[in-house]
Amino acid sequence: MLMATIYIVGVLVGLIATQGGAATRLSFALLWPLGPLAFVITVAGLLVVAAVAFPLFGVILAAALGAAWWWLR
């Protein structure tokens, strides 16, 4: 219920605050959740590249991910 409310509020804000024609407003209003998803994908990609470029960071990242996996399982 909370997620639906957040989505509906985001759609309403997108319809009101977006500049452009009706099709542009409707597209942005309905697709706004893709923005945070794109952020997560970008950050994950940057972490992978950093792990390859800086091996010490990669070891620390692998250890942190392993510890998180072990703790959550």
PDB file of N, CA and C in Angstrom:
ATOM      1  N   MET A   1       0.823  -1.191   0.000  1.00  0.00           N
ATOM      2  CA  MET A   1       0.000   0.000   0.000  1.00  0.00           C
ATOM      3  C   MET A   1       0.865   1.252   0.000  1.00  0.00           C
ATOM      4  N   LEU A   2       1.923   1.230   0.819  1.00  0.00           N
ATOM      5  CA  LEU A   2       2.812   2.393   0.888  1.00  0.00           C
ATOM      6  C   LEU A   2       3.525   2.614  -0.444  1.00  0.00           C
ATOM      7  N   MET A   3       3.973   1.528  -1.059  1.00  0.00           N
ATOM      8  CA  MET A   3       4.668   1.657  -2.345  1.00  0.00           C
ATOM      9  C   MET A   3       3.741   2.212  -3.425  1.00  0.00           C
ATOM     10  N   ALA A   4       2.480   1.775  -3.418  1.00  0.00           N
ATOM     11  CA  ALA A   4       1.509   2.288  -4.393  1.00  0.00           C
ATOM     12  C   ALA A   4       1.261   3.769  -4.171  1.00  0.00           C
ATOM     13  N   THR A   5       1.191   4.176  -2.923  1.00  0.00           N
ATOM     14  CA  THR A   5       0.992   5.595  -2.608  1.00  0.00           C
ATOM     15  C   THR A   5       2.177   6.421  -3.087  1.00  0.00           C
ATOM     16  N   ILE A   6       3.389   5.937  -2.839  1.00  0.00           N
ATOM     17  CA  ILE A   6       4.587   6.651  -3.285  1.00  0.00           C
ATOM     18  C   ILE A   6       4.596   6.754  -4.808  1.00  0.00           C
ATOM     19  N   TYR A   7       4.229   5.674  -5.492  1.00  0.00           N
ATOM     20  CA  TYR A   7       4.211   5.690  -6.951  1.00  0.00           C
ATOM     21  C   TYR A   7       3.170   6.677  -7.464  1.00  0.00           C
ATOM     22  N   ILE A   8       1.986   6.668  -6.881  1.00  0.00           N
ATOM     23  CA  ILE A   8       0.917   7.570  -7.327  1.00  0.00           C
ATOM     24  C   ILE A   8       1.297   9.028  -7.089  1.00  0.00           C
ATOM     25  N   VAL A   9       1.907   9.320  -5.944  1.00  0.00           N
ATOM     26  CA  VAL A   9       2.369  10.691  -5.685  1.00  0.00           C
ATOM     27  C   VAL A   9       3.430  11.084  -6.703  1.00  0.00           C
ATOM     28  N   GLY A  10       4.337  10.168  -7.031  1.00  0.00           N
ATOM     29  CA  GLY A  10       5.355  10.445  -8.043  1.00  0.00           C
ATOM     30  C   GLY A  10       4.739  10.694  -9.412  1.00  0.00           C
ATOM     31  N   VAL A  11       3.714   9.948  -9.756  1.00  0.00           N
ATOM     32  CA  VAL A  11       3.021  10.160 -11.039  1.00  0.00           C
ATOM     33  C   VAL A  11       2.374  11.534 -11.057  1.00  0.00           C
ATOM     34  N   LEU A  12       1.709  11.907  -9.977  1.00  0.00           N
ATOM     35  CA  LEU A  12       1.061  13.220  -9.921  1.00  0.00           C
ATOM     36  C   LEU A  12       2.080  14.354 -10.006  1.00  0.00           C
ATOM     37  N   VAL A  13       3.183  14.222  -9.297  1.00  0.00           N
ATOM     38  CA  VAL A  13       4.231  15.245  -9.378  1.00  0.00           C
ATOM     39  C   VAL A  13       4.799  15.301 -10.788  1.00  0.00           C
ATOM     40  N   GLY A  14       4.991  14.148 -11.412  1.00  0.00           N
ATOM     41  CA  GLY A  14       5.494  14.114 -12.780  1.00  0.00           C
ATOM     42  C   GLY A  14       4.544  14.763 -13.764  1.00  0.00           C
ATOM     43  N   LEU A  15       3.266  14.564 -13.571  1.00  0.00           N
ATOM     44  CA  LEU A  15       2.283  15.185 -14.464  1.00  0.00           C
ATOM     45  C   LEU A  15       2.235  16.701 -14.285  1.00  0.00           C
ATOM     46  N   ILE A  16       2.427  17.156 -13.052  1.00  0.00           N
ATOM     47  CA  ILE A  16       2.318  18.586 -12.761  1.00  0.00           C
ATOM     48  C   ILE A  16       3.630  19.318 -13.038  1.00  0.00           C
ATOM     49  N   ALA A  17       4.750  18.744 -12.625  1.00  0.00           N
ATOM     50  CA  ALA A  17       6.019  19.460 -12.645  1.00  0.00           C
ATOM     51  C   ALA A  17       6.807  19.343 -13.946  1.00  0.00           C
ATOM     52  N   THR A  18       6.492  18.376 -14.786  1.00  0.00           N
ATOM     53  CA  THR A  18       7.260  18.163 -16.010  1.00  0.00           C
ATOM     54  C   THR A  18       6.829  19.151 -17.088  1.00  0.00           C
ATOM     55  N   GLN A  19       7.816  19.700 -17.762  1.00  0.00           N
ATOM     56  CA  GLN A  19       7.518  20.597 -18.880  1.00  0.00           C
ATOM     57  C   GLN A  19       7.444  19.780 -20.154  1.00  0.00           C
ATOM     58  N   GLY A  20       6.553  20.158 -21.041  1.00  0.00           N
ATOM     59  CA  GLY A  20       6.429  19.457 -22.311  1.00  0.00           C
ATOM     60  C   GLY A  20       4.978  19.173 -22.624  1.00  0.00           C
ATOM     61  N   GLY A  21       4.792  18.431 -23.700  1.00  0.00           N
ATOM     62  CA  GLY A  21       3.445  18.084 -24.122  1.00  0.00           C
ATOM     63  C   GLY A  21       2.852  16.988 -23.258  1.00  0.00           C
ATOM     64  N   ALA A  22       1.634  16.618 -23.610  1.00  0.00           N
ATOM     65  CA  ALA A  22       0.923  15.609 -22.826  1.00  0.00           C
ATOM     66  C   ALA A  22       1.632  14.252 -22.870  1.00  0.00           C
ATOM     67  N   ALA A  23       2.132  13.856 -24.039  1.00  0.00           N
ATOM     68  CA  ALA A  23       2.820  12.563 -24.148  1.00  0.00           C
ATOM     69  C   ALA A  23       4.108  12.550 -23.324  1.00  0.00           C
ATOM     70  N   THR A  24       4.840  13.662 -23.333  1.00  0.00           N
ATOM     71  CA  THR A  24       6.069  13.760 -22.547  1.00  0.00           C
ATOM     72  C   THR A  24       5.765  13.686 -21.065  1.00  0.00           C
ATOM     73  N   ARG A  25       4.761  14.429 -20.632  1.00  0.00           N
ATOM     74  CA  ARG A  25       4.380  14.418 -19.210  1.00  0.00           C
ATOM     75  C   ARG A  25       3.950  13.024 -18.772  1.00  0.00           C
ATOM     76  N   LEU A  26       3.143  12.374 -19.577  1.00  0.00           N
ATOM     77  CA  LEU A  26       2.657  11.042 -19.223  1.00  0.00           C
ATOM     78  C   LEU A  26       3.803  10.028 -19.192  1.00  0.00           C
ATOM     79  N   SER A  27       4.707  10.105 -20.156  1.00  0.00           N
ATOM     80  CA  SER A  27       5.852   9.178 -20.191  1.00  0.00           C
ATOM     81  C   SER A  27       6.736   9.342 -18.966  1.00  0.00           C
ATOM     82  N   PHE A  28       7.093  10.588 -18.656  1.00  0.00           N
ATOM     83  CA  PHE A  28       7.934  10.835 -17.474  1.00  0.00           C
ATOM     84  C   PHE A  28       7.220  10.444 -16.187  1.00  0.00           C
ATOM     85  N   ALA A  29       5.930  10.696 -16.117  1.00  0.00           N
ATOM     86  CA  ALA A  29       5.180  10.379 -14.908  1.00  0.00           C
ATOM     87  C   ALA A  29       5.113   8.874 -14.671  1.00  0.00           C
ATOM     88  N   LEU A  30       4.937   8.095 -15.722  1.00  0.00           N
ATOM     89  CA  LEU A  30       4.805   6.652 -15.555  1.00  0.00           C
ATOM     90  C   LEU A  30       6.152   5.938 -15.386  1.00  0.00           C
ATOM     91  N   LEU A  31       7.213   6.510 -15.946  1.00  0.00           N
ATOM     92  CA  LEU A  31       8.515   5.844 -15.918  1.00  0.00           C
ATOM     93  C   LEU A  31       9.476   6.379 -14.859  1.00  0.00           C
ATOM     94  N   TRP A  32       9.011   7.242 -13.959  1.00  0.00           N
ATOM     95  CA  TRP A  32       9.929   7.848 -13.004  1.00  0.00           C
ATOM     96  C   TRP A  32      10.660   6.850 -12.111  1.00  0.00           C
ATOM     97  N   PRO A  33      10.138   5.661 -11.782  1.00  0.00           N
ATOM     98  CA  PRO A  33      10.915   4.746 -10.936  1.00  0.00           C
ATOM     99  C   PRO A  33      12.191   4.223 -11.606  1.00  0.00           C
ATOM    100  N   LEU A  34      12.319   4.363 -12.912  1.00  0.00           N
ATOM    101  CA  LEU A  34      13.526   3.882 -13.580  1.00  0.00           C
ATOM    102  C   LEU A  34      14.754   4.725 -13.224  1.00  0.00           C
ATOM    103  N   GLY A  35      14.553   5.952 -12.776  1.00  0.00           N
ATOM    104  CA  GLY A  35      15.677   6.812 -12.388  1.00  0.00           C
ATOM    105  C   GLY A  35      16.493   6.218 -11.252  1.00  0.00           C
ATOM    106  N   PRO A  36      15.879   5.857 -10.123  1.00  0.00           N
ATOM    107  CA  PRO A  36      16.645   5.225  -9.042  1.00  0.00           C
ATOM    108  C   PRO A  36      17.275   3.896  -9.456  1.00  0.00           C
ATOM    109  N   LEU A  37      16.588   3.136 -10.301  1.00  0.00           N
ATOM    110  CA  LEU A  37      17.150   1.876 -10.789  1.00  0.00           C
ATOM    111  C   LEU A  37      18.400   2.135 -11.627  1.00  0.00           C
ATOM    112  N   ALA A  38      18.353   3.161 -12.472  1.00  0.00           N
ATOM    113  CA  ALA A  38      19.528   3.520 -13.267  1.00  0.00           C
ATOM    114  C   ALA A  38      20.679   3.955 -12.365  1.00  0.00           C
ATOM    115  N   PHE A  39      20.372   4.651 -11.274  1.00  0.00           N
ATOM    116  CA  PHE A  39      21.410   5.058 -10.319  1.00  0.00           C
ATOM    117  C   PHE A  39      22.075   3.836  -9.701  1.00  0.00           C
ATOM    118  N   VAL A  40      21.285   2.866  -9.276  1.00  0.00           N
ATOM    119  CA  VAL A  40      21.836   1.660  -8.650  1.00  0.00           C
ATOM    120  C   VAL A  40      22.707   0.888  -9.637  1.00  0.00           C
ATOM    121  N   ILE A  41      22.265   0.772 -10.883  1.00  0.00           N
ATOM    122  CA  ILE A  41      23.043   0.065 -11.902  1.00  0.00           C
ATOM    123  C   ILE A  41      24.353   0.804 -12.176  1.00  0.00           C
ATOM    124  N   THR A  42      24.310   2.137 -12.242  1.00  0.00           N
ATOM    125  CA  THR A  42      25.515   2.924 -12.486  1.00  0.00           C
ATOM    126  C   THR A  42      26.517   2.771 -11.351  1.00  0.00           C
ATOM    127  N   VAL A  43      26.050   2.863 -10.110  1.00  0.00           N
ATOM    128  CA  VAL A  43      26.957   2.726  -8.963  1.00  0.00           C
ATOM    129  C   VAL A  43      27.554   1.318  -8.915  1.00  0.00           C
ATOM    130  N   ALA A  44      26.743   0.308  -9.203  1.00  0.00           N
ATOM    131  CA  ALA A  44      27.270  -1.063  -9.213  1.00  0.00           C
ATOM    132  C   ALA A  44      28.347  -1.224 -10.286  1.00  0.00           C
ATOM    133  N   GLY A  45      28.113  -0.649 -11.450  1.00  0.00           N
ATOM    134  CA  GLY A  45      29.119  -0.708 -12.510  1.00  0.00           C
ATOM    135  C   GLY A  45      30.404   0.004 -12.124  1.00  0.00           C
ATOM    136  N   LEU A  46      30.279   1.157 -11.481  1.00  0.00           N
ATOM    137  CA  LEU A  46      31.468   1.890 -11.032  1.00  0.00           C
ATOM    138  C   LEU A  46      32.238   1.109  -9.974  1.00  0.00           C
ATOM    139  N   LEU A  47      31.531   0.405  -9.099  1.00  0.00           N
ATOM    140  CA  LEU A  47      32.213  -0.412  -8.094  1.00  0.00           C
ATOM    141  C   LEU A  47      32.975  -1.563  -8.743  1.00  0.00           C
ATOM    142  N   VAL A  48      32.395  -2.175  -9.763  1.00  0.00           N
ATOM    143  CA  VAL A  48      33.082  -3.270 -10.473  1.00  0.00           C
ATOM    144  C   VAL A  48      34.331  -2.739 -11.167  1.00  0.00           C
ATOM    145  N   VAL A  49      34.212  -1.611 -11.842  1.00  0.00           N
ATOM    146  CA  VAL A  49      35.370  -1.029 -12.535  1.00  0.00           C
ATOM    147  C   VAL A  49      36.447  -0.636 -11.540  1.00  0.00           C
ATOM    148  N   ALA A  50      36.051  -0.052 -10.407  1.00  0.00           N
ATOM    149  CA  ALA A  50      37.021   0.329  -9.385  1.00  0.00           C
ATOM    150  C   ALA A  50      37.708  -0.900  -8.797  1.00  0.00           C
ATOM    151  N   ALA A  51      36.969  -1.994  -8.646  1.00  0.00           N
ATOM    152  CA  ALA A  51      37.561  -3.223  -8.109  1.00  0.00           C
ATOM    153  C   ALA A  51      38.606  -3.793  -9.059  1.00  0.00           C
ATOM    154  N   VAL A  52      38.397  -3.617 -10.361  1.00  0.00           N
ATOM    155  CA  VAL A  52      39.376  -4.104 -11.338  1.00  0.00           C
ATOM    156  C   VAL A  52      40.566  -3.149 -11.418  1.00  0.00           C
ATOM    157  N   ALA A  53      40.298  -1.858 -11.393  1.00  0.00           N
ATOM    158  CA  ALA A  53      41.366  -0.865 -11.544  1.00  0.00           C
ATOM    159  C   ALA A  53      42.246  -0.760 -10.301  1.00  0.00           C
ATOM    160  N   PHE A  54      41.648  -0.979  -9.129  1.00  0.00           N
ATOM    161  CA  PHE A  54      42.384  -0.860  -7.875  1.00  0.00           C
ATOM    162  C   PHE A  54      42.231  -2.168  -7.105  1.00  0.00           C
ATOM    163  N   PRO A  55      43.195  -3.078  -7.251  1.00  0.00           N
ATOM    164  CA  PRO A  55      43.056  -4.416  -6.663  1.00  0.00           C
ATOM    165  C   PRO A  55      42.832  -4.417  -5.146  1.00  0.00           C
ATOM    166  N   LEU A  56      43.463  -3.502  -4.412  1.00  0.00           N
ATOM    167  CA  LEU A  56      43.254  -3.471  -2.969  1.00  0.00           C
ATOM    168  C   LEU A  56      41.799  -3.148  -2.648  1.00  0.00           C
ATOM    169  N   PHE A  57      41.229  -2.209  -3.386  1.00  0.00           N
ATOM    170  CA  PHE A  57      39.806  -1.896  -3.220  1.00  0.00           C
ATOM    171  C   PHE A  57      38.954  -3.115  -3.563  1.00  0.00           C
ATOM    172  N   GLY A  58      39.345  -3.852  -4.600  1.00  0.00           N
ATOM    173  CA  GLY A  58      38.613  -5.056  -4.981  1.00  0.00           C
ATOM    174  C   GLY A  58      38.626  -6.102  -3.881  1.00  0.00           C
ATOM    175  N   VAL A  59      39.773  -6.274  -3.229  1.00  0.00           N
ATOM    176  CA  VAL A  59      39.868  -7.240  -2.129  1.00  0.00           C
ATOM    177  C   VAL A  59      38.974  -6.812  -0.969  1.00  0.00           C
ATOM    178  N   ILE A  60      39.012  -5.524  -0.640  1.00  0.00           N
ATOM    179  CA  ILE A  60      38.178  -5.012   0.449  1.00  0.00           C
ATOM    180  C   ILE A  60      36.697  -5.161   0.096  1.00  0.00           C
ATOM    181  N   LEU A  61      36.343  -4.842  -1.139  1.00  0.00           N
ATOM    182  CA  LEU A  61      34.956  -4.970  -1.583  1.00  0.00           C
ATOM    183  C   LEU A  61      34.506  -6.427  -1.554  1.00  0.00           C
ATOM    184  N   ALA A  62      35.354  -7.329  -2.021  1.00  0.00           N
ATOM    185  CA  ALA A  62      35.007  -8.754  -2.010  1.00  0.00           C
ATOM    186  C   ALA A  62      34.832  -9.252  -0.572  1.00  0.00           C
ATOM    187  N   ALA A  63      35.699  -8.805   0.326  1.00  0.00           N
ATOM    188  CA  ALA A  63      35.577  -9.204   1.730  1.00  0.00           C
ATOM    189  C   ALA A  63      34.285  -8.657   2.343  1.00  0.00           C
ATOM    190  N   ALA A  64      33.953  -7.414   2.029  1.00  0.00           N
ATOM    191  CA  ALA A  64      32.721  -6.818   2.560  1.00  0.00           C
ATOM    192  C   ALA A  64      31.488  -7.538   2.017  1.00  0.00           C
ATOM    193  N   LEU A  65      31.487  -7.859   0.727  1.00  0.00           N
ATOM    194  CA  LEU A  65      30.358  -8.585   0.144  1.00  0.00           C
ATOM    195  C   LEU A  65      30.247  -9.993   0.719  1.00  0.00           C
ATOM    196  N   GLY A  66      31.386 -10.645   0.902  1.00  0.00           N
ATOM    197  CA  GLY A  66      31.376 -11.979   1.505  1.00  0.00           C
ATOM    198  C   GLY A  66      30.869 -11.956   2.936  1.00  0.00           C
ATOM    199  N   ALA A  67      31.301 -10.969   3.705  1.00  0.00           N
ATOM    200  CA  ALA A  67      30.830 -10.852   5.084  1.00  0.00           C
ATOM    201  C   ALA A  67      29.339 -10.543   5.131  1.00  0.00           C
ATOM    202  N   ALA A  68      28.863  -9.691   4.237  1.00  0.00           N
ATOM    203  CA  ALA A  68      27.439  -9.367   4.198  1.00  0.00           C
ATOM    204  C   ALA A  68      26.621 -10.594   3.812  1.00  0.00           C
ATOM    205  N   TRP A  69      27.114 -11.353   2.824  1.00  0.00           N
ATOM    206  CA  TRP A  69      26.411 -12.567   2.413  1.00  0.00           C
ATOM    207  C   TRP A  69      26.359 -13.564   3.566  1.00  0.00           C
ATOM    208  N   TRP A  70      27.495 -13.756   4.246  1.00  0.00           N
ATOM    209  CA  TRP A  70      27.556 -14.720   5.356  1.00  0.00           C
ATOM    210  C   TRP A  70      26.627 -14.284   6.486  1.00  0.00           C
ATOM    211  N   TRP A  71      26.572 -12.986   6.758  1.00  0.00           N
ATOM    212  CA  TRP A  71      25.748 -12.477   7.836  1.00  0.00           C
ATOM    213  C   TRP A  71      24.262 -12.576   7.505  1.00  0.00           C
ATOM    214  N   LEU A  72      23.891 -12.391   6.242  1.00  0.00           N
ATOM    215  CA  LEU A  72      22.487 -12.393   5.840  1.00  0.00           C
ATOM    216  C   LEU A  72      21.911 -13.775   5.546  1.00  0.00           C
ATOM    217  N   ARG A  73      22.781 -14.756   5.349  1.00  0.00           N
ATOM    218  CA  ARG A  73      22.256 -16.080   4.997  1.00  0.00           C
ATOM    219  C   ARG A  73      21.722 -16.739   6.192  1.00  0.00           C
TER     220      ARG A  73
END
